[in-house]
Amino acid sequence: MCGCKKVPRKDLFFGKHLLKIDKDVDEPSNILWENQDVSNSEFYVRKVVSYLLIALILCFSVLFLLAANVVTGTNSKCTNAEYKEEDLTTVLATKNENVI
């Protein structure tokens, strides 16, 4: 014989691989036990509130940047309404001459 002992099928992973079980294991140290009291509905409410706060902060950031841009007036030269068609063709022609 091979000297192997017979292992019950329940101790085999997928019926092939031997599972090693250590019975002297302490409690896990990385579990936040205070979170065990949070229900599923409270968890989802907290998640939605967090996403709403992130969206609110993002909206305020965009509004702040837009307001800063309006106050400084840096965007006034970039509007197409101020340019006439003749001005655009002159600018394009000048740029094409500089490329050649």
Protein backbone atom coordinates (compact mmCIF):
# COMPACT_ATOMS: atom_id res chain seq x y z
CA MET A 1 0.00 0.00 0.00
CA CYS A 2 0.99 3.68 -0.32
CA GLY A 3 0.74 4.50 3.38
CA CYS A 4 -1.99 7.12 2.76
CA LYS A 5 -4.96 7.28 5.06
CA LYS A 6 -8.48 7.43 3.70
CA VAL A 7 -9.86 11.02 3.78
CA PRO A 8 -13.64 11.54 3.96
CA ARG A 9 -15.08 13.11 0.82
CA LYS A 10 -16.50 16.06 2.82
CA ASP A 11 -12.91 17.15 3.60
CA LEU A 12 -11.98 17.28 -0.09
CA PHE A 13 -12.35 20.44 -2.17
CA PHE A 14 -14.24 19.56 -5.36
CA GLY A 15 -13.73 15.95 -4.38
CA LYS A 16 -10.01 16.08 -5.29
CA HIS A 17 -7.99 18.40 -3.08
CA LEU A 18 -7.44 17.94 0.62
CA LEU A 19 -8.63 20.81 2.82
CA LYS A 20 -6.40 21.67 5.74
CA ILE A 21 -8.41 22.97 8.68
CA ASP A 22 -6.74 24.70 11.62
CA LYS A 23 -8.99 24.54 14.66
CA ASP A 24 -6.79 26.78 16.84
CA VAL A 25 -7.62 30.04 15.02
CA ASP A 26 -8.40 33.20 16.98
CA GLU A 27 -11.08 35.68 15.97
CA PRO A 28 -10.19 37.81 12.94
CA SER A 29 -8.69 41.16 13.89
CA ASN A 30 -9.77 43.21 10.86
CA ILE A 31 -13.55 43.02 11.33
CA LEU A 32 -15.28 46.25 12.33
CA TRP A 33 -17.74 44.80 14.80
CA GLU A 34 -19.64 48.07 15.21
CA ASN A 35 -20.71 47.79 11.55
CA GLN A 36 -22.53 44.53 12.27
CA ASP A 37 -25.47 46.48 13.72
CA VAL A 38 -26.14 48.36 10.46
CA SER A 39 -29.13 47.00 8.55
CA ASN A 40 -29.19 46.71 4.76
CA SER A 41 -31.58 49.65 4.40
CA GLU A 42 -29.41 51.88 6.60
CA PHE A 43 -26.33 50.82 4.60
CA TYR A 44 -27.98 51.85 1.31
CA VAL A 45 -29.25 55.13 2.80
CA ARG A 46 -25.70 55.97 3.90
CA LYS A 47 -24.41 55.07 0.45
CA VAL A 48 -26.99 57.29 -1.32
CA VAL A 49 -26.29 60.19 1.06
CA SER A 50 -22.56 59.84 0.36
CA TYR A 51 -23.12 59.89 -3.41
CA LEU A 52 -25.38 62.92 -3.12
CA LEU A 53 -22.76 64.79 -1.09
CA ILE A 54 -20.11 63.96 -3.69
CA ALA A 55 -22.40 65.20 -6.49
CA LEU A 56 -23.17 68.38 -4.53
CA ILE A 57 -19.48 69.10 -3.96
CA LEU A 58 -18.81 68.48 -7.66
CA CYS A 59 -21.60 70.87 -8.70
CA PHE A 60 -20.33 73.60 -6.37
CA SER A 61 -16.82 73.14 -7.75
CA VAL A 62 -18.03 73.52 -11.33
CA LEU A 63 -20.12 76.56 -10.42
CA PHE A 64 -17.15 78.11 -8.63
CA LEU A 65 -14.95 77.62 -11.70
CA LEU A 66 -17.59 79.07 -14.00
CA ALA A 67 -18.08 82.08 -11.71
CA ALA A 68 -14.33 82.64 -11.52
CA ASN A 69 -14.15 82.49 -15.30
CA VAL A 70 -16.94 85.06 -15.69
CA VAL A 71 -15.43 87.42 -13.10
CA THR A 72 -11.97 87.39 -14.65
CA GLY A 73 -13.35 87.78 -18.17
CA THR A 74 -10.95 85.29 -19.72
CA ASN A 75 -13.70 83.64 -21.71
CA SER A 76 -14.88 86.82 -23.47
CA LYS A 77 -12.42 86.43 -26.38
CA CYS A 78 -13.45 82.86 -27.02
CA THR A 79 -17.06 83.40 -28.00
CA ASN A 80 -17.90 82.96 -31.66
CA ALA A 81 -20.58 85.68 -31.51
CA GLU A 82 -18.00 88.47 -31.38
CA TYR A 83 -16.26 87.46 -34.60
CA LYS A 84 -17.59 88.31 -37.99
CA GLU A 85 -17.20 86.01 -40.95
CA GLU A 86 -14.64 88.30 -42.60
CA ASP A 87 -12.52 88.31 -39.47
CA LEU A 88 -12.48 84.51 -39.36
CA THR A 89 -11.47 84.15 -43.00
CA THR A 90 -8.69 86.72 -42.48
CA VAL A 91 -7.39 84.87 -39.43
CA LEU A 92 -7.50 81.52 -41.23
CA ALA A 93 -5.75 82.92 -44.28
CA THR A 94 -3.04 84.46 -42.09
CA LYS A 95 -2.48 81.17 -40.29
CA ASN A 96 -2.26 79.26 -43.58
CA GLU A 97 0.36 81.70 -44.91
CA ASN A 98 2.47 81.27 -41.78
CA VAL A 99 2.41 77.47 -42.12
CA ILE A 100 3.78 77.49 -45.67
